[in-house]
C-alpha atoms as a PDB file:
ATOM      1  CA  MET A   1      14.434  39.722   8.737  1.00  0.00           C
ATOM      2  CA  PRO A   2      18.256  39.637   8.792  1.00  0.00           C
ATOM      3  CA  SER A   3      19.672  41.493  11.715  1.00  0.00           C
ATOM      4  CA  SER A   4      21.514  44.749  11.245  1.00  0.00           C
ATOM      5  CA  GLU A   5      24.648  42.928  12.456  1.00  0.00           C
ATOM      6  CA  LEU A   6      24.520  40.527   9.479  1.00  0.00           C
ATOM      7  CA  TRP A   7      24.121  43.478   7.024  1.00  0.00           C
ATOM      8  CA  ALA A   8      26.884  45.400   8.725  1.00  0.00           C
ATOM      9  CA  GLY A   9      29.170  42.425   8.595  1.00  0.00           C
ATOM     10  CA  ALA A  10      28.582  41.850   4.932  1.00  0.00           C
ATOM     11  CA  LEU A  11      29.149  45.503   4.108  1.00  0.00           C
ATOM     12  CA  SER A  12      32.269  45.649   6.281  1.00  0.00           C
ATOM     13  CA  LEU A  13      33.779  42.648   4.586  1.00  0.00           C
ATOM     14  CA  LEU A  14      32.852  44.002   1.140  1.00  0.00           C
ATOM     15  CA  LEU A  15      34.648  47.319   1.964  1.00  0.00           C
ATOM     16  CA  ILE A  16      37.718  45.480   3.242  1.00  0.00           C
ATOM     17  CA  HIS A  17      37.761  43.486   0.047  1.00  0.00           C
ATOM     18  CA  HIS A  18      37.391  46.618  -2.070  1.00  0.00           C
ATOM     19  CA  GLU A  19      40.039  48.564  -0.130  1.00  0.00           C
ATOM     20  CA  THR A  20      42.663  45.802   0.113  1.00  0.00           C
ATOM     21  CA  GLY A  21      41.744  43.194  -2.442  1.00  0.00           C
ATOM     22  CA  CYS A  22      41.568  40.542   0.359  1.00  0.00           C
ATOM     23  CA  ARG A  23      40.115  37.403  -1.179  1.00  0.00           C
ATOM     24  CA  HIS A  24      39.081  35.990   2.181  1.00  0.00           C
ATOM     25  CA  SER A  25      36.983  39.074   2.873  1.00  0.00           C
ATOM     26  CA  ALA A  26      35.242  38.614  -0.498  1.00  0.00           C
ATOM     27  CA  LEU A  27      34.470  34.991   0.212  1.00  0.00           C
ATOM     28  CA  ASN A  28      33.191  35.745   3.696  1.00  0.00           C
ATOM     29  CA  ALA A  29      31.062  38.575   2.351  1.00  0.00           C
ATOM     30  CA  ALA A  30      29.672  36.202  -0.264  1.00  0.00           C
ATOM     31  CA  ARG A  31      28.773  33.675   2.445  1.00  0.00           C
ATOM     32  CA  LEU A  32      27.019  36.327   4.527  1.00  0.00           C
ATOM     33  CA  LEU A  33      25.058  37.656   1.515  1.00  0.00           C
ATOM     34  CA  GLU A  34      24.073  34.087   0.595  1.00  0.00           C
ATOM     35  CA  CYS A  35      22.837  33.604   4.203  1.00  0.00           C
ATOM     36  CA  ILE A  36      20.900  36.849   4.156  1.00  0.00           C
ATOM     37  CA  GLY A  37      19.233  35.840   0.872  1.00  0.00           C
ATOM     38  CA  THR A  38      17.804  32.722   2.469  1.00  0.00           C
ATOM     39  CA  PHE A  39      15.703  34.526   5.035  1.00  0.00           C
ATOM     40  CA  ASP A  40      11.978  34.024   4.378  1.00  0.00           C
ATOM     41  CA  ASP A  41      11.019  37.625   4.860  1.00  0.00           C
ATOM     42  CA  VAL A  42      13.601  39.088   2.417  1.00  0.00           C
ATOM     43  CA  ASP A  43      11.838  40.427  -0.661  1.00  0.00           C
ATOM     44  CA  ALA A  44      12.600  38.961  -4.063  1.00  0.00           C
ATOM     45  CA  ASP A  45      14.622  41.937  -5.343  1.00  0.00           C
ATOM     46  CA  THR A  46      16.872  41.902  -2.242  1.00  0.00           C
ATOM     47  CA  ARG A  47      17.241  38.129  -2.480  1.00  0.00           C
ATOM     48  CA  ASN A  48      18.231  38.414  -6.203  1.00  0.00           C
ATOM     49  CA  LEU A  49      20.701  41.193  -5.382  1.00  0.00           C
ATOM     50  CA  CYS A  50      22.287  39.106  -2.558  1.00  0.00           C
ATOM     51  CA  GLU A  51      22.563  36.081  -4.882  1.00  0.00           C
ATOM     52  CA  ARG A  52      24.160  38.126  -7.685  1.00  0.00           C
ATOM     53  CA  ALA A  53      26.625  39.811  -5.361  1.00  0.00           C
ATOM     54  CA  SER A  54      27.451  36.497  -3.629  1.00  0.00           C
ATOM     55  CA  SER A  55      28.007  34.811  -6.969  1.00  0.00           C
ATOM     56  CA  ARG A  56      30.293  37.560  -8.309  1.00  0.00           C
ATOM     57  CA  LEU A  57      32.306  37.712  -5.031  1.00  0.00           C
ATOM     58  CA  SER A  58      32.707  33.918  -4.980  1.00  0.00           C
ATOM     59  CA  SER A  59      33.800  33.705  -8.626  1.00  0.00           C
ATOM     60  CA  GLY A  60      36.437  36.443  -8.351  1.00  0.00           C
ATOM     61  CA  LYS A  61      35.062  38.405 -11.278  1.00  0.00           C
ATOM     62  CA  ASP A  62      35.114  41.554  -9.203  1.00  0.00           C
ATOM     63  CA  GLN A  63      38.883  41.524  -8.675  1.00  0.00           C
ATOM     64  CA  HIS A  64      40.797  44.741  -9.240  1.00  0.00           C
ATOM     65  CA  ASN A  65      44.069  46.292  -8.256  1.00  0.00           C
ATOM     66  CA  ALA A  66      43.605  47.364  -4.604  1.00  0.00           C
ATOM     67  CA  GLY A  67      45.712  50.448  -5.055  1.00  0.00           C
ATOM     68  CA  SER A  68      43.737  51.767  -7.994  1.00  0.00           C
ATOM     69  CA  ALA A  69      40.836  53.208  -5.996  1.00  0.00           C
END
């Protein structure tokens, strides 16, 4: 099972991206989510969610104006 540090890191990077629009944070969050999805004991629904989020963050389709939140 992925450690709480991996989950916390992914969520932290995701929030940084959301709050600032930082593209590097999005890409690093995507990498962590991709890594989390590869663990053998992650259930299929969580794996699918990690893959979808990673794909969206990597593609840049989630971009928004950072000041609009």
